[in-house]
Amino acid sequence: MYGTKNISFFNFQKEKIKIELNKGNIHADGKKPRTFFVINDPKNISVENTWTYKNGVGGGIYSINFYKDTNIEYLMFLIKQKYKNILN
């Protein structure tokens, strides 16, 4: 957590840790907030999940599964992107 903003959520499961990075919301008129997050994931290990609320606002997260053989340096590369996005 940075100030009052979450950087990521960790869901501990038996075989893996599921990491979720919040993208942010897209307003009904299509405008994105300044801190809207788009991940740079050259290895494509993240999965993008999106939804739309009843009021027309869209939301989304990136899910990353962390197994015991996952490259932790690459994982930190992805998490640092979100952290730097919040700082700007």
PDB file of N, CA and C in Angstrom:
ATOM      1  N   MET A   1       0.844  -1.171   0.000  1.00  0.00           N
ATOM      2  CA  MET A   1       0.000   0.000   0.000  1.00  0.00           C
ATOM      3  C   MET A   1       0.888   1.231   0.000  1.00  0.00           C
ATOM      4  N   TYR A   2       0.540   2.186  -0.821  1.00  0.00           N
ATOM      5  CA  TYR A   2       1.255   3.450  -0.895  1.00  0.00           C
ATOM      6  C   TYR A   2       0.250   4.533  -0.537  1.00  0.00           C
ATOM      7  N   GLY A   3       0.402   5.160   0.630  1.00  0.00           N
ATOM      8  CA  GLY A   3      -0.585   6.134   1.082  1.00  0.00           C
ATOM      9  C   GLY A   3      -1.912   5.426   1.285  1.00  0.00           C
ATOM     10  N   THR A   4      -2.912   5.819   0.507  1.00  0.00           N
ATOM     11  CA  THR A   4      -4.225   5.175   0.588  1.00  0.00           C
ATOM     12  C   THR A   4      -4.518   4.336  -0.649  1.00  0.00           C
ATOM     13  N   LYS A   5      -3.508   4.097  -1.477  1.00  0.00           N
ATOM     14  CA  LYS A   5      -3.708   3.337  -2.722  1.00  0.00           C
ATOM     15  C   LYS A   5      -3.080   1.954  -2.609  1.00  0.00           C
ATOM     16  N   ASN A   6      -3.821   0.955  -3.059  1.00  0.00           N
ATOM     17  CA  ASN A   6      -3.296  -0.404  -3.080  1.00  0.00           C
ATOM     18  C   ASN A   6      -2.450  -0.620  -4.319  1.00  0.00           C
ATOM     19  N   ILE A   7      -1.328  -1.277  -4.140  1.00  0.00           N
ATOM     20  CA  ILE A   7      -0.461  -1.618  -5.260  1.00  0.00           C
ATOM     21  C   ILE A   7      -0.859  -2.976  -5.810  1.00  0.00           C
ATOM     22  N   SER A   8      -1.119  -3.925  -4.910  1.00  0.00           N
ATOM     23  CA  SER A   8      -1.483  -5.273  -5.348  1.00  0.00           C
ATOM     24  C   SER A   8      -2.226  -5.996  -4.238  1.00  0.00           C
ATOM     25  N   PHE A   9      -2.868  -7.094  -4.622  1.00  0.00           N
ATOM     26  CA  PHE A   9      -3.534  -7.986  -3.693  1.00  0.00           C
ATOM     27  C   PHE A   9      -2.917  -9.364  -3.863  1.00  0.00           C
ATOM     28  N   PHE A  10      -2.680 -10.056  -2.769  1.00  0.00           N
ATOM     29  CA  PHE A  10      -2.099 -11.391  -2.796  1.00  0.00           C
ATOM     30  C   PHE A  10      -3.114 -12.374  -2.226  1.00  0.00           C
ATOM     31  N   ASN A  11      -3.442 -13.387  -3.005  1.00  0.00           N
ATOM     32  CA  ASN A  11      -4.371 -14.431  -2.585  1.00  0.00           C
ATOM     33  C   ASN A  11      -3.567 -15.724  -2.473  1.00  0.00           C
ATOM     34  N   PHE A  12      -3.328 -16.177  -1.246  1.00  0.00           N
ATOM     35  CA  PHE A  12      -2.509 -17.360  -1.009  1.00  0.00           C
ATOM     36  C   PHE A  12      -3.351 -18.612  -1.165  1.00  0.00           C
ATOM     37  N   GLN A  13      -2.933 -19.471  -2.083  1.00  0.00           N
ATOM     38  CA  GLN A  13      -3.626 -20.718  -2.366  1.00  0.00           C
ATOM     39  C   GLN A  13      -2.651 -21.874  -2.152  1.00  0.00           C
ATOM     40  N   LYS A  14      -3.152 -23.095  -2.201  1.00  0.00           N
ATOM     41  CA  LYS A  14      -2.329 -24.261  -1.890  1.00  0.00           C
ATOM     42  C   LYS A  14      -1.124 -24.406  -2.816  1.00  0.00           C
ATOM     43  N   GLU A  15      -1.313 -24.248  -4.111  1.00  0.00           N
ATOM     44  CA  GLU A  15      -0.254 -24.486  -5.087  1.00  0.00           C
ATOM     45  C   GLU A  15       0.383 -23.209  -5.643  1.00  0.00           C
ATOM     46  N   LYS A  16      -0.199 -22.048  -5.335  1.00  0.00           N
ATOM     47  CA  LYS A  16       0.287 -20.811  -5.946  1.00  0.00           C
ATOM     48  C   LYS A  16      -0.121 -19.616  -5.113  1.00  0.00           C
ATOM     49  N   ILE A  17       0.423 -18.476  -5.471  1.00  0.00           N
ATOM     50  CA  ILE A  17      -0.027 -17.184  -4.942  1.00  0.00           C
ATOM     51  C   ILE A  17      -0.576 -16.418  -6.135  1.00  0.00           C
ATOM     52  N   LYS A  18      -1.821 -16.002  -6.033  1.00  0.00           N
ATOM     53  CA  LYS A  18      -2.447 -15.232  -7.107  1.00  0.00           C
ATOM     54  C   LYS A  18      -2.279 -13.747  -6.768  1.00  0.00           C
ATOM     55  N   ILE A  19      -1.628 -13.018  -7.665  1.00  0.00           N
ATOM     56  CA  ILE A  19      -1.358 -11.600  -7.460  1.00  0.00           C
ATOM     57  C   ILE A  19      -2.252 -10.812  -8.403  1.00  0.00           C
ATOM     58  N   GLU A  20      -2.934  -9.812  -7.863  1.00  0.00           N
ATOM     59  CA  GLU A  20      -3.823  -8.984  -8.678  1.00  0.00           C
ATOM     60  C   GLU A  20      -3.370  -7.535  -8.613  1.00  0.00           C
ATOM     61  N   LEU A  21      -3.204  -6.942  -9.782  1.00  0.00           N
ATOM     62  CA  LEU A  21      -2.843  -5.529  -9.910  1.00  0.00           C
ATOM     63  C   LEU A  21      -4.035  -4.791 -10.487  1.00  0.00           C
ATOM     64  N   ASN A  22      -4.528  -3.791  -9.785  1.00  0.00           N
ATOM     65  CA  ASN A  22      -5.693  -3.030 -10.220  1.00  0.00           C
ATOM     66  C   ASN A  22      -5.326  -2.093 -11.364  1.00  0.00           C
ATOM     67  N   LYS A  23      -6.094  -2.162 -12.457  1.00  0.00           N
ATOM     68  CA  LYS A  23      -5.866  -1.277 -13.603  1.00  0.00           C
ATOM     69  C   LYS A  23      -6.416   0.114 -13.337  1.00  0.00           C
ATOM     70  N   GLY A  24      -7.572   0.186 -12.699  1.00  0.00           N
ATOM     71  CA  GLY A  24      -8.276   1.439 -12.502  1.00  0.00           C
ATOM     72  C   GLY A  24      -9.616   1.381 -13.196  1.00  0.00           C
ATOM     73  N   ASN A  25     -10.349   2.451 -13.137  1.00  0.00           N
ATOM     74  CA  ASN A  25     -11.680   2.512 -13.741  1.00  0.00           C
ATOM     75  C   ASN A  25     -11.676   3.391 -14.984  1.00  0.00           C
ATOM     76  N   ILE A  26     -12.504   3.021 -15.948  1.00  0.00           N
ATOM     77  CA  ILE A  26     -12.739   3.842 -17.131  1.00  0.00           C
ATOM     78  C   ILE A  26     -14.142   4.403 -16.994  1.00  0.00           C
ATOM     79  N   HIS A  27     -14.260   5.710 -17.009  1.00  0.00           N
ATOM     80  CA  HIS A  27     -15.556   6.357 -16.827  1.00  0.00           C
ATOM     81  C   HIS A  27     -16.493   6.043 -17.987  1.00  0.00           C
ATOM     82  N   ALA A  28     -17.776   6.204 -17.775  1.00  0.00           N
ATOM     83  CA  ALA A  28     -18.785   5.888 -18.784  1.00  0.00           C
ATOM     84  C   ALA A  28     -18.570   6.669 -20.080  1.00  0.00           C
ATOM     85  N   ASP A  29     -17.993   7.870 -19.981  1.00  0.00           N
ATOM     86  CA  ASP A  29     -17.728   8.661 -21.190  1.00  0.00           C
ATOM     87  C   ASP A  29     -16.408   8.279 -21.872  1.00  0.00           C
ATOM     88  N   GLY A  30     -15.714   7.243 -21.353  1.00  0.00           N
ATOM     89  CA  GLY A  30     -14.490   6.744 -21.962  1.00  0.00           C
ATOM     90  C   GLY A  30     -13.208   7.345 -21.411  1.00  0.00           C
ATOM     91  N   LYS A  31     -13.317   8.314 -20.522  1.00  0.00           N
ATOM     92  CA  LYS A  31     -12.125   8.950 -19.959  1.00  0.00           C
ATOM     93  C   LYS A  31     -11.463   8.038 -18.931  1.00  0.00           C
ATOM     94  N   LYS A  32     -10.135   8.047 -18.976  1.00  0.00           N
ATOM     95  CA  LYS A  32      -9.361   7.261 -18.023  1.00  0.00           C
ATOM     96  C   LYS A  32      -8.700   8.211 -17.031  1.00  0.00           C
ATOM     97  N   PRO A  33      -8.608   7.824 -15.770  1.00  0.00           N
ATOM     98  CA  PRO A  33      -7.924   8.682 -14.795  1.00  0.00           C
ATOM     99  C   PRO A  33      -6.422   8.729 -15.067  1.00  0.00           C
ATOM    100  N   ARG A  34      -5.769   9.688 -14.481  1.00  0.00           N
ATOM    101  CA  ARG A  34      -4.331   9.892 -14.669  1.00  0.00           C
ATOM    102  C   ARG A  34      -3.538   8.655 -14.245  1.00  0.00           C
ATOM    103  N   THR A  35      -4.007   7.952 -13.234  1.00  0.00           N
ATOM    104  CA  THR A  35      -3.287   6.793 -12.701  1.00  0.00           C
ATOM    105  C   THR A  35      -3.748   5.468 -13.306  1.00  0.00           C
ATOM    106  N   PHE A  36      -4.492   5.503 -14.418  1.00  0.00           N
ATOM    107  CA  PHE A  36      -4.919   4.259 -15.054  1.00  0.00           C
ATOM    108  C   PHE A  36      -3.677   3.466 -15.440  1.00  0.00           C
ATOM    109  N   PHE A  37      -3.690   2.177 -15.158  1.00  0.00           N
ATOM    110  CA  PHE A  37      -2.495   1.347 -15.290  1.00  0.00           C
ATOM    111  C   PHE A  37      -2.613   0.370 -16.459  1.00  0.00           C
ATOM    112  N   VAL A  38      -1.610   0.392 -17.334  1.00  0.00           N
ATOM    113  CA  VAL A  38      -1.495  -0.591 -18.417  1.00  0.00           C
ATOM    114  C   VAL A  38      -0.139  -1.264 -18.245  1.00  0.00           C
ATOM    115  N   ILE A  39      -0.161  -2.577 -18.121  1.00  0.00           N
ATOM    116  CA  ILE A  39       1.068  -3.329 -17.821  1.00  0.00           C
ATOM    117  C   ILE A  39       1.888  -3.585 -19.082  1.00  0.00           C
ATOM    118  N   ASN A  40       3.193  -3.579 -18.915  1.00  0.00           N
ATOM    119  CA  ASN A  40       4.123  -3.966 -19.980  1.00  0.00           C
ATOM    120  C   ASN A  40       4.616  -5.368 -19.610  1.00  0.00           C
ATOM    121  N   ASP A  41       4.033  -6.393 -20.222  1.00  0.00           N
ATOM    122  CA  ASP A  41       4.319  -7.781 -19.873  1.00  0.00           C
ATOM    123  C   ASP A  41       4.793  -8.543 -21.112  1.00  0.00           C
ATOM    124  N   PRO A  42       6.081  -8.427 -21.474  1.00  0.00           N
ATOM    125  CA  PRO A  42       6.579  -9.087 -22.681  1.00  0.00           C
ATOM    126  C   PRO A  42       6.425 -10.608 -22.670  1.00  0.00           C
ATOM    127  N   LYS A  43       6.437 -11.242 -21.494  1.00  0.00           N
ATOM    128  CA  LYS A  43       6.326 -12.702 -21.410  1.00  0.00           C
ATOM    129  C   LYS A  43       4.873 -13.182 -21.335  1.00  0.00           C
ATOM    130  N   ASN A  44       3.934 -12.246 -21.275  1.00  0.00           N
ATOM    131  CA  ASN A  44       2.492 -12.555 -21.246  1.00  0.00           C
ATOM    132  C   ASN A  44       2.109 -13.538 -20.154  1.00  0.00           C
ATOM    133  N   ILE A  45       2.598 -13.312 -18.925  1.00  0.00           N
ATOM    134  CA  ILE A  45       2.192 -14.181 -17.829  1.00  0.00           C
ATOM    135  C   ILE A  45       0.980 -13.628 -17.082  1.00  0.00           C
ATOM    136  N   SER A  46       0.607 -12.383 -17.364  1.00  0.00           N
ATOM    137  CA  SER A  46      -0.558 -11.790 -16.705  1.00  0.00           C
ATOM    138  C   SER A  46      -1.812 -12.026 -17.549  1.00  0.00           C
ATOM    139  N   VAL A  47      -2.940 -12.096 -16.846  1.00  0.00           N
ATOM    140  CA  VAL A  47      -4.241 -12.259 -17.496  1.00  0.00           C
ATOM    141  C   VAL A  47      -5.076 -11.034 -17.151  1.00  0.00           C
ATOM    142  N   GLU A  48      -5.633 -10.401 -18.169  1.00  0.00           N
ATOM    143  CA  GLU A  48      -6.438  -9.200 -17.968  1.00  0.00           C
ATOM    144  C   GLU A  48      -7.906  -9.587 -17.760  1.00  0.00           C
ATOM    145  N   ASN A  49      -8.494  -9.088 -16.685  1.00  0.00           N
ATOM    146  CA  ASN A  49      -9.919  -9.305 -16.398  1.00  0.00           C
ATOM    147  C   ASN A  49     -10.602  -7.943 -16.332  1.00  0.00           C
ATOM    148  N   THR A  50     -11.681  -7.775 -17.088  1.00  0.00           N
ATOM    149  CA  THR A  50     -12.411  -6.506 -17.088  1.00  0.00           C
ATOM    150  C   THR A  50     -13.888  -6.745 -16.841  1.00  0.00           C
ATOM    151  N   TRP A  51     -14.571  -5.709 -16.418  1.00  0.00           N
ATOM    152  CA  TRP A  51     -16.007  -5.757 -16.170  1.00  0.00           C
ATOM    153  C   TRP A  51     -16.588  -4.364 -16.304  1.00  0.00           C
ATOM    154  N   THR A  52     -17.906  -4.275 -16.382  1.00  0.00           N
ATOM    155  CA  THR A  52     -18.604  -2.993 -16.441  1.00  0.00           C
ATOM    156  C   THR A  52     -19.678  -2.976 -15.362  1.00  0.00           C
ATOM    157  N   TYR A  53     -19.664  -1.942 -14.549  1.00  0.00           N
ATOM    158  CA  TYR A  53     -20.679  -1.773 -13.512  1.00  0.00           C
ATOM    159  C   TYR A  53     -21.982  -1.286 -14.143  1.00  0.00           C
ATOM    160  N   LYS A  54     -23.065  -1.342 -13.374  1.00  0.00           N
ATOM    161  CA  LYS A  54     -24.375  -0.916 -13.881  1.00  0.00           C
ATOM    162  C   LYS A  54     -24.403   0.550 -14.295  1.00  0.00           C
ATOM    163  N   ASN A  55     -23.573   1.380 -13.679  1.00  0.00           N
ATOM    164  CA  ASN A  55     -23.559   2.803 -14.015  1.00  0.00           C
ATOM    165  C   ASN A  55     -22.703   3.115 -15.246  1.00  0.00           C
ATOM    166  N   GLY A  56     -22.146   2.074 -15.886  1.00  0.00           N
ATOM    167  CA  GLY A  56     -21.374   2.261 -17.104  1.00  0.00           C
ATOM    168  C   GLY A  56     -19.876   2.389 -16.902  1.00  0.00           C
ATOM    169  N   VAL A  57     -19.436   2.485 -15.661  1.00  0.00           N
ATOM    170  CA  VAL A  57     -18.008   2.587 -15.377  1.00  0.00           C
ATOM    171  C   VAL A  57     -17.386   1.199 -15.518  1.00  0.00           C
ATOM    172  N   GLY A  58     -16.258   1.141 -16.213  1.00  0.00           N
ATOM    173  CA  GLY A  58     -15.562  -0.128 -16.398  1.00  0.00           C
ATOM    174  C   GLY A  58     -14.401  -0.265 -15.435  1.00  0.00           C
ATOM    175  N   GLY A  59     -14.142  -1.473 -15.008  1.00  0.00           N
ATOM    176  CA  GLY A  59     -13.028  -1.736 -14.107  1.00  0.00           C
ATOM    177  C   GLY A  59     -12.207  -2.889 -14.628  1.00  0.00           C
ATOM    178  N   GLY A  60     -11.043  -3.077 -14.046  1.00  0.00           N
ATOM    179  CA  GLY A  60     -10.218  -4.186 -14.489  1.00  0.00           C
ATOM    180  C   GLY A  60      -9.038  -4.449 -13.577  1.00  0.00           C
ATOM    181  N   ILE A  61      -8.516  -5.665 -13.679  1.00  0.00           N
ATOM    182  CA  ILE A  61      -7.330  -6.072 -12.947  1.00  0.00           C
ATOM    183  C   ILE A  61      -6.448  -6.926 -13.856  1.00  0.00           C
ATOM    184  N   TYR A  62      -5.202  -7.037 -13.481  1.00  0.00           N
ATOM    185  CA  TYR A  62      -4.297  -8.006 -14.086  1.00  0.00           C
ATOM    186  C   TYR A  62      -4.047  -9.079 -13.033  1.00  0.00           C
ATOM    187  N   SER A  63      -4.230 -10.338 -13.389  1.00  0.00           N
ATOM    188  CA  SER A  63      -3.965 -11.457 -12.490  1.00  0.00           C
ATOM    189  C   SER A  63      -2.681 -12.152 -12.916  1.00  0.00           C
ATOM    190  N   ILE A  64      -1.849 -12.453 -11.938  1.00  0.00           N
ATOM    191  CA  ILE A  64      -0.590 -13.144 -12.192  1.00  0.00           C
ATOM    192  C   ILE A  64      -0.499 -14.300 -11.202  1.00  0.00           C
ATOM    193  N   ASN A  65      -0.292 -15.496 -11.702  1.00  0.00           N
ATOM    194  CA  ASN A  65      -0.119 -16.660 -10.845  1.00  0.00           C
ATOM    195  C   ASN A  65       1.359 -16.872 -10.573  1.00  0.00           C
ATOM    196  N   PHE A  66       1.697 -16.937  -9.290  1.00  0.00           N
ATOM    197  CA  PHE A  66       3.077 -17.098  -8.847  1.00  0.00           C
ATOM    198  C   PHE A  66       3.252 -18.506  -8.296  1.00  0.00           C
ATOM    199  N   TYR A  67       3.965 -19.333  -9.052  1.00  0.00           N
ATOM    200  CA  TYR A  67       4.268 -20.698  -8.633  1.00  0.00           C
ATOM    201  C   TYR A  67       5.700 -20.755  -8.118  1.00  0.00           C
ATOM    202  N   LYS A  68       6.097 -21.876  -7.528  1.00  0.00           N
ATOM    203  CA  LYS A  68       7.444 -21.973  -6.960  1.00  0.00           C
ATOM    204  C   LYS A  68       8.549 -21.852  -8.010  1.00  0.00           C
ATOM    205  N   ASP A  69       8.240 -22.109  -9.275  1.00  0.00           N
ATOM    206  CA  ASP A  69       9.255 -21.992 -10.326  1.00  0.00           C
ATOM    207  C   ASP A  69       9.135 -20.698 -11.136  1.00  0.00           C
ATOM    208  N   THR A  70       8.289 -19.769 -10.697  1.00  0.00           N
ATOM    209  CA  THR A  70       8.135 -18.492 -11.397  1.00  0.00           C
ATOM    210  C   THR A  70       9.374 -17.622 -11.179  1.00  0.00           C
ATOM    211  N   ASN A  71       9.777 -16.929 -12.203  1.00  0.00           N
ATOM    212  CA  ASN A  71      10.924 -16.030 -12.142  1.00  0.00           C
ATOM    213  C   ASN A  71      10.556 -14.827 -11.271  1.00  0.00           C
ATOM    214  N   ILE A  72      11.091 -14.780 -10.061  1.00  0.00           N
ATOM    215  CA  ILE A  72      10.719 -13.723  -9.112  1.00  0.00           C
ATOM    216  C   ILE A  72      11.206 -12.350  -9.565  1.00  0.00           C
ATOM    217  N   GLU A  73      12.311 -12.284 -10.290  1.00  0.00           N
ATOM    218  CA  GLU A  73      12.810 -10.999 -10.768  1.00  0.00           C
ATOM    219  C   GLU A  73      11.851 -10.408 -11.808  1.00  0.00           C
ATOM    220  N   TYR A  74      11.301 -11.255 -12.657  1.00  0.00           N
ATOM    221  CA  TYR A  74      10.333 -10.781 -13.641  1.00  0.00           C
ATOM    222  C   TYR A  74       9.045 -10.352 -12.950  1.00  0.00           C
ATOM    223  N   LEU A  75       8.653 -11.096 -11.937  1.00  0.00           N
ATOM    224  CA  LEU A  75       7.461 -10.745 -11.165  1.00  0.00           C
ATOM    225  C   LEU A  75       7.630  -9.378 -10.504  1.00  0.00           C
ATOM    226  N   MET A  76       8.798  -9.119  -9.933  1.00  0.00           N
ATOM    227  CA  MET A  76       9.059  -7.821  -9.316  1.00  0.00           C
ATOM    228  C   MET A  76       9.075  -6.708 -10.362  1.00  0.00           C
ATOM    229  N   PHE A  77       9.545  -7.015 -11.566  1.00  0.00           N
ATOM    230  CA  PHE A  77       9.504  -6.061 -12.677  1.00  0.00           C
ATOM    231  C   PHE A  77       8.062  -5.621 -12.939  1.00  0.00           C
ATOM    232  N   LEU A  78       7.113  -6.563 -12.915  1.00  0.00           N
ATOM    233  CA  LEU A  78       5.704  -6.244 -13.156  1.00  0.00           C
ATOM    234  C   LEU A  78       5.106  -5.442 -12.003  1.00  0.00           C
ATOM    235  N   ILE A  79       5.403  -5.833 -10.775  1.00  0.00           N
ATOM    236  CA  ILE A  79       4.852  -5.133  -9.602  1.00  0.00           C
ATOM    237  C   ILE A  79       5.421  -3.719  -9.517  1.00  0.00           C
ATOM    238  N   LYS A  80       6.690  -3.536  -9.837  1.00  0.00           N
ATOM    239  CA  LYS A  80       7.305  -2.200  -9.800  1.00  0.00           C
ATOM    240  C   LYS A  80       6.652  -1.253 -10.796  1.00  0.00           C
ATOM    241  N   GLN A  81       6.170  -1.779 -11.911  1.00  0.00           N
ATOM    242  CA  GLN A  81       5.464  -0.934 -12.883  1.00  0.00           C
ATOM    243  C   GLN A  81       4.242  -0.299 -12.235  1.00  0.00           C
ATOM    244  N   LYS A  82       3.498  -1.080 -11.482  1.00  0.00           N
ATOM    245  CA  LYS A  82       2.305  -0.560 -10.800  1.00  0.00           C
ATOM    246  C   LYS A  82       2.706   0.473  -9.753  1.00  0.00           C
ATOM    247  N   TYR A  83       3.757   0.197  -9.007  1.00  0.00           N
ATOM    248  CA  TYR A  83       4.221   1.120  -7.986  1.00  0.00           C
ATOM    249  C   TYR A  83       4.628   2.460  -8.601  1.00  0.00           C
ATOM    250  N   LYS A  84       5.380   2.408  -9.681  1.00  0.00           N
ATOM    251  CA  LYS A  84       5.808   3.638 -10.352  1.00  0.00           C
ATOM    252  C   LYS A  84       4.618   4.397 -10.944  1.00  0.00           C
ATOM    253  N   ASN A  85       3.595   3.664 -11.381  1.00  0.00           N
ATOM    254  CA  ASN A  85       2.388   4.288 -11.915  1.00  0.00           C
ATOM    255  C   ASN A  85       1.683   5.104 -10.831  1.00  0.00           C
ATOM    256  N   ILE A  86       1.665   4.619  -9.622  1.00  0.00           N
ATOM    257  CA  ILE A  86       1.019   5.330  -8.508  1.00  0.00           C
ATOM    258  C   ILE A  86       1.804   6.576  -8.138  1.00  0.00           C
ATOM    259  N   LEU A  87       3.122   6.507  -8.220  1.00  0.00           N
ATOM    260  CA  LEU A  87       3.957   7.657  -7.854  1.00  0.00           C
ATOM    261  C   LEU A  87       3.790   8.840  -8.796  1.00  0.00           C
ATOM    262  N   ASN A  88       3.428   8.572 -10.046  1.00  0.00           N
ATOM    263  CA  ASN A  88       3.314   9.658 -11.037  1.00  0.00           C
ATOM    264  C   ASN A  88       2.064  10.439 -10.848  1.00  0.00           C
TER     265      ASN A  88
END
